[in-house]
């Protein structure tokens, strides 16, 4: 999958978010896929923050999601002794 192509429009961002959320939930807690899913979600949230039509509430939600997902990703990578 070409993720750069997926992230060119808001519809594609929503699709990417759904895919990464699915991967996050079906992956085991000590799996590289789970950490990669969190990383993908962080990238989608950052891309969505670049959109001009977001409300302040949506912006804050994405910022909170980034913070939470970064902590989860880092925890999993630490458990896997994975350096990224």
N, C-alpha and C. Protein backbone atom coordinates (compact mmCIF):
# COMPACT_ATOMS: atom_id res chain seq x y z
N UNK A 1 0.85 -1.18 0.00
CA UNK A 1 0.00 0.00 0.00
C UNK A 1 0.89 1.23 0.00
N UNK A 2 0.58 2.17 -0.86
CA UNK A 2 1.30 3.43 -0.91
C UNK A 2 0.61 4.41 0.05
N UNK A 3 1.17 4.56 1.26
CA UNK A 3 0.54 5.39 2.28
C UNK A 3 0.59 6.87 1.91
N UNK A 4 1.57 7.29 1.14
CA UNK A 4 1.60 8.69 0.69
C UNK A 4 0.37 8.97 -0.17
N UNK A 5 0.04 8.04 -1.03
CA UNK A 5 -1.14 8.20 -1.89
C UNK A 5 -2.41 8.20 -1.05
N UNK A 6 -2.47 7.31 -0.05
CA UNK A 6 -3.65 7.24 0.81
C UNK A 6 -3.89 8.54 1.56
N UNK A 7 -2.82 9.27 1.89
CA UNK A 7 -2.94 10.45 2.74
C UNK A 7 -3.16 11.74 1.96
N UNK A 8 -3.54 11.66 0.69
CA UNK A 8 -3.71 12.87 -0.11
C UNK A 8 -5.05 13.56 0.10
N UNK A 9 -6.02 12.87 0.62
CA UNK A 9 -7.32 13.51 0.84
C UNK A 9 -7.88 13.08 2.18
N UNK A 10 -8.88 13.81 2.64
CA UNK A 10 -9.47 13.47 3.93
C UNK A 10 -10.15 12.11 3.88
N UNK A 11 -10.75 11.75 2.76
CA UNK A 11 -11.37 10.42 2.65
C UNK A 11 -10.31 9.34 2.82
N UNK A 12 -9.17 9.54 2.19
CA UNK A 12 -8.10 8.57 2.31
C UNK A 12 -7.53 8.56 3.72
N UNK A 13 -7.51 9.70 4.38
CA UNK A 13 -7.04 9.75 5.77
C UNK A 13 -7.97 8.94 6.67
N UNK A 14 -9.26 9.05 6.43
CA UNK A 14 -10.22 8.28 7.22
C UNK A 14 -10.04 6.79 6.96
N UNK A 15 -9.80 6.41 5.72
CA UNK A 15 -9.56 5.02 5.39
C UNK A 15 -8.29 4.52 6.09
N UNK A 16 -7.23 5.31 6.02
CA UNK A 16 -5.97 4.93 6.67
C UNK A 16 -6.17 4.80 8.17
N UNK A 17 -6.92 5.71 8.76
CA UNK A 17 -7.18 5.65 10.19
C UNK A 17 -7.91 4.35 10.55
N UNK A 18 -8.88 3.98 9.74
CA UNK A 18 -9.62 2.74 9.99
C UNK A 18 -8.70 1.53 9.89
N UNK A 19 -7.83 1.51 8.89
CA UNK A 19 -6.91 0.39 8.72
C UNK A 19 -5.94 0.27 9.90
N UNK A 20 -5.38 1.39 10.32
CA UNK A 20 -4.45 1.36 11.45
C UNK A 20 -5.15 1.00 12.75
N UNK A 21 -6.38 1.48 12.95
CA UNK A 21 -7.14 1.11 14.14
C UNK A 21 -7.42 -0.38 14.16
N UNK A 22 -7.77 -0.92 13.01
CA UNK A 22 -8.02 -2.37 12.92
C UNK A 22 -6.75 -3.15 13.26
N UNK A 23 -5.63 -2.74 12.71
CA UNK A 23 -4.36 -3.41 13.00
C UNK A 23 -4.00 -3.29 14.47
N UNK A 24 -4.29 -2.15 15.06
CA UNK A 24 -3.99 -1.92 16.47
C UNK A 24 -4.76 -2.90 17.35
N UNK A 25 -6.01 -3.14 17.03
CA UNK A 25 -6.85 -3.99 17.87
C UNK A 25 -6.63 -5.48 17.64
N UNK A 26 -6.22 -5.90 16.45
CA UNK A 26 -6.06 -7.33 16.21
C UNK A 26 -4.64 -7.82 16.47
N UNK A 27 -3.70 -6.92 16.64
CA UNK A 27 -2.32 -7.31 16.89
C UNK A 27 -2.11 -7.59 18.37
N UNK A 28 -1.18 -8.50 18.64
CA UNK A 28 -0.83 -8.78 20.03
C UNK A 28 -0.05 -7.62 20.60
N UNK A 29 -0.05 -7.48 21.91
CA UNK A 29 0.59 -6.35 22.58
C UNK A 29 2.10 -6.35 22.42
N UNK A 30 2.68 -7.48 22.11
CA UNK A 30 4.14 -7.55 21.95
C UNK A 30 4.51 -7.81 20.50
N UNK A 31 3.73 -7.25 19.60
CA UNK A 31 3.95 -7.47 18.18
C UNK A 31 4.38 -6.17 17.51
N UNK A 32 5.32 -6.27 16.58
CA UNK A 32 5.77 -5.10 15.83
C UNK A 32 4.60 -4.43 15.11
N UNK A 33 3.64 -5.22 14.66
CA UNK A 33 2.50 -4.68 13.93
C UNK A 33 1.72 -3.69 14.78
N UNK A 34 1.58 -3.99 16.09
CA UNK A 34 0.83 -3.09 16.97
C UNK A 34 1.55 -1.76 17.10
N UNK A 35 2.87 -1.79 17.29
CA UNK A 35 3.64 -0.54 17.39
C UNK A 35 3.57 0.23 16.07
N UNK A 36 3.64 -0.47 14.96
CA UNK A 36 3.56 0.17 13.65
C UNK A 36 2.17 0.78 13.42
N UNK A 37 1.13 0.12 13.92
CA UNK A 37 -0.22 0.66 13.79
C UNK A 37 -0.35 1.97 14.56
N UNK A 38 0.19 2.00 15.78
CA UNK A 38 0.17 3.24 16.55
C UNK A 38 0.94 4.33 15.81
N UNK A 39 2.07 3.98 15.23
CA UNK A 39 2.86 4.96 14.48
C UNK A 39 2.08 5.48 13.28
N UNK A 40 1.39 4.60 12.59
CA UNK A 40 0.57 5.01 11.45
C UNK A 40 -0.55 5.95 11.87
N UNK A 41 -1.19 5.64 12.99
CA UNK A 41 -2.25 6.51 13.49
C UNK A 41 -1.70 7.89 13.84
N UNK A 42 -0.54 7.94 14.45
CA UNK A 42 0.09 9.22 14.80
C UNK A 42 0.30 10.05 13.53
N UNK A 43 0.78 9.40 12.48
CA UNK A 43 1.01 10.10 11.21
C UNK A 43 -0.29 10.64 10.61
N UNK A 44 -1.35 9.83 10.71
CA UNK A 44 -2.65 10.27 10.19
C UNK A 44 -3.16 11.45 10.99
N UNK A 45 -3.06 11.37 12.32
CA UNK A 45 -3.52 12.48 13.16
C UNK A 45 -2.75 13.76 12.83
N UNK A 46 -1.45 13.65 12.63
CA UNK A 46 -0.65 14.84 12.29
C UNK A 46 -1.07 15.41 10.95
N UNK A 47 -1.36 14.53 10.00
CA UNK A 47 -1.81 15.00 8.69
C UNK A 47 -3.17 15.68 8.80
N UNK A 48 -4.06 15.13 9.62
CA UNK A 48 -5.37 15.73 9.81
C UNK A 48 -5.25 17.11 10.48
N UNK A 49 -4.26 17.28 11.34
CA UNK A 49 -4.06 18.58 11.99
C UNK A 49 -3.69 19.67 10.99
N UNK A 50 -3.18 19.28 9.84
CA UNK A 50 -2.84 20.25 8.80
C UNK A 50 -4.07 20.79 8.07
N UNK A 51 -5.21 20.14 8.25
CA UNK A 51 -6.43 20.59 7.59
C UNK A 51 -6.94 21.86 8.24
N UNK A 52 -7.45 22.75 7.44
CA UNK A 52 -7.92 24.05 7.94
C UNK A 52 -9.34 24.03 8.46
N UNK A 53 -10.10 23.00 8.15
CA UNK A 53 -11.52 23.00 8.49
C UNK A 53 -11.83 22.27 9.80
N UNK A 54 -10.85 22.11 10.68
CA UNK A 54 -11.07 21.43 11.94
C UNK A 54 -11.51 22.41 13.02
N UNK A 55 -12.41 21.95 13.86
CA UNK A 55 -12.79 22.76 15.02
C UNK A 55 -11.69 22.64 16.07
N UNK A 56 -11.71 23.52 17.04
CA UNK A 56 -10.71 23.47 18.11
C UNK A 56 -10.85 22.17 18.90
N UNK A 57 -12.07 21.71 19.05
CA UNK A 57 -12.32 20.44 19.75
C UNK A 57 -11.68 19.27 19.01
N UNK A 58 -11.82 19.25 17.68
CA UNK A 58 -11.21 18.18 16.88
C UNK A 58 -9.69 18.25 16.97
N UNK A 59 -9.15 19.45 16.90
CA UNK A 59 -7.69 19.62 17.01
C UNK A 59 -7.19 19.08 18.33
N UNK A 60 -7.88 19.40 19.41
CA UNK A 60 -7.46 18.94 20.74
C UNK A 60 -7.57 17.42 20.84
N UNK A 61 -8.61 16.86 20.24
CA UNK A 61 -8.78 15.41 20.24
C UNK A 61 -7.61 14.73 19.53
N UNK A 62 -7.23 15.26 18.37
CA UNK A 62 -6.10 14.67 17.65
C UNK A 62 -4.80 14.81 18.43
N UNK A 63 -4.59 15.96 19.06
CA UNK A 63 -3.38 16.15 19.87
C UNK A 63 -3.35 15.18 21.04
N UNK A 64 -4.50 14.96 21.68
CA UNK A 64 -4.57 13.99 22.78
C UNK A 64 -4.30 12.57 22.28
N UNK A 65 -4.88 12.24 21.12
CA UNK A 65 -4.66 10.91 20.54
C UNK A 65 -3.19 10.69 20.21
N UNK A 66 -2.54 11.72 19.70
CA UNK A 66 -1.11 11.62 19.38
C UNK A 66 -0.32 11.32 20.64
N UNK A 67 -0.60 12.04 21.69
CA UNK A 67 0.12 11.85 22.96
C UNK A 67 -0.07 10.44 23.51
N UNK A 68 -1.30 9.97 23.51
CA UNK A 68 -1.61 8.63 24.02
C UNK A 68 -0.96 7.56 23.16
N UNK A 69 -1.10 7.68 21.84
CA UNK A 69 -0.56 6.67 20.94
C UNK A 69 0.97 6.65 20.94
N UNK A 70 1.60 7.81 21.11
CA UNK A 70 3.06 7.84 21.20
C UNK A 70 3.53 7.08 22.43
N UNK A 71 2.83 7.25 23.54
CA UNK A 71 3.20 6.54 24.77
C UNK A 71 3.04 5.03 24.57
N UNK A 72 1.94 4.62 23.95
CA UNK A 72 1.70 3.19 23.69
C UNK A 72 2.76 2.62 22.75
N UNK A 73 3.03 3.35 21.67
CA UNK A 73 4.03 2.90 20.69
C UNK A 73 5.39 2.76 21.35
N UNK A 74 5.78 3.76 22.12
CA UNK A 74 7.09 3.73 22.77
C UNK A 74 7.19 2.60 23.78
N UNK A 75 6.10 2.34 24.52
CA UNK A 75 6.09 1.25 25.49
C UNK A 75 6.28 -0.10 24.81
N UNK A 76 5.55 -0.30 23.72
CA UNK A 76 5.66 -1.57 22.98
C UNK A 76 7.05 -1.72 22.39
N UNK A 77 7.57 -0.66 21.78
CA UNK A 77 8.91 -0.74 21.21
C UNK A 77 9.95 -1.03 22.29
N UNK A 78 9.75 -0.48 23.47
CA UNK A 78 10.68 -0.74 24.58
C UNK A 78 10.60 -2.22 24.99
N UNK A 79 9.38 -2.76 25.07
CA UNK A 79 9.21 -4.18 25.42
C UNK A 79 9.87 -5.08 24.37
N UNK A 80 9.82 -4.64 23.13
CA UNK A 80 10.41 -5.43 22.04
C UNK A 80 11.92 -5.15 21.89
N UNK A 81 12.41 -4.23 22.70
CA UNK A 81 13.81 -3.78 22.60
C UNK A 81 14.10 -3.33 21.17
N UNK A 82 13.16 -2.60 20.62
CA UNK A 82 13.23 -2.13 19.24
C UNK A 82 13.63 -0.68 19.22
N UNK A 83 14.65 -0.37 18.46
CA UNK A 83 15.08 1.00 18.30
C UNK A 83 14.58 1.52 16.96
N UNK A 84 13.86 2.62 17.03
CA UNK A 84 13.27 3.17 15.81
C UNK A 84 13.90 4.51 15.51
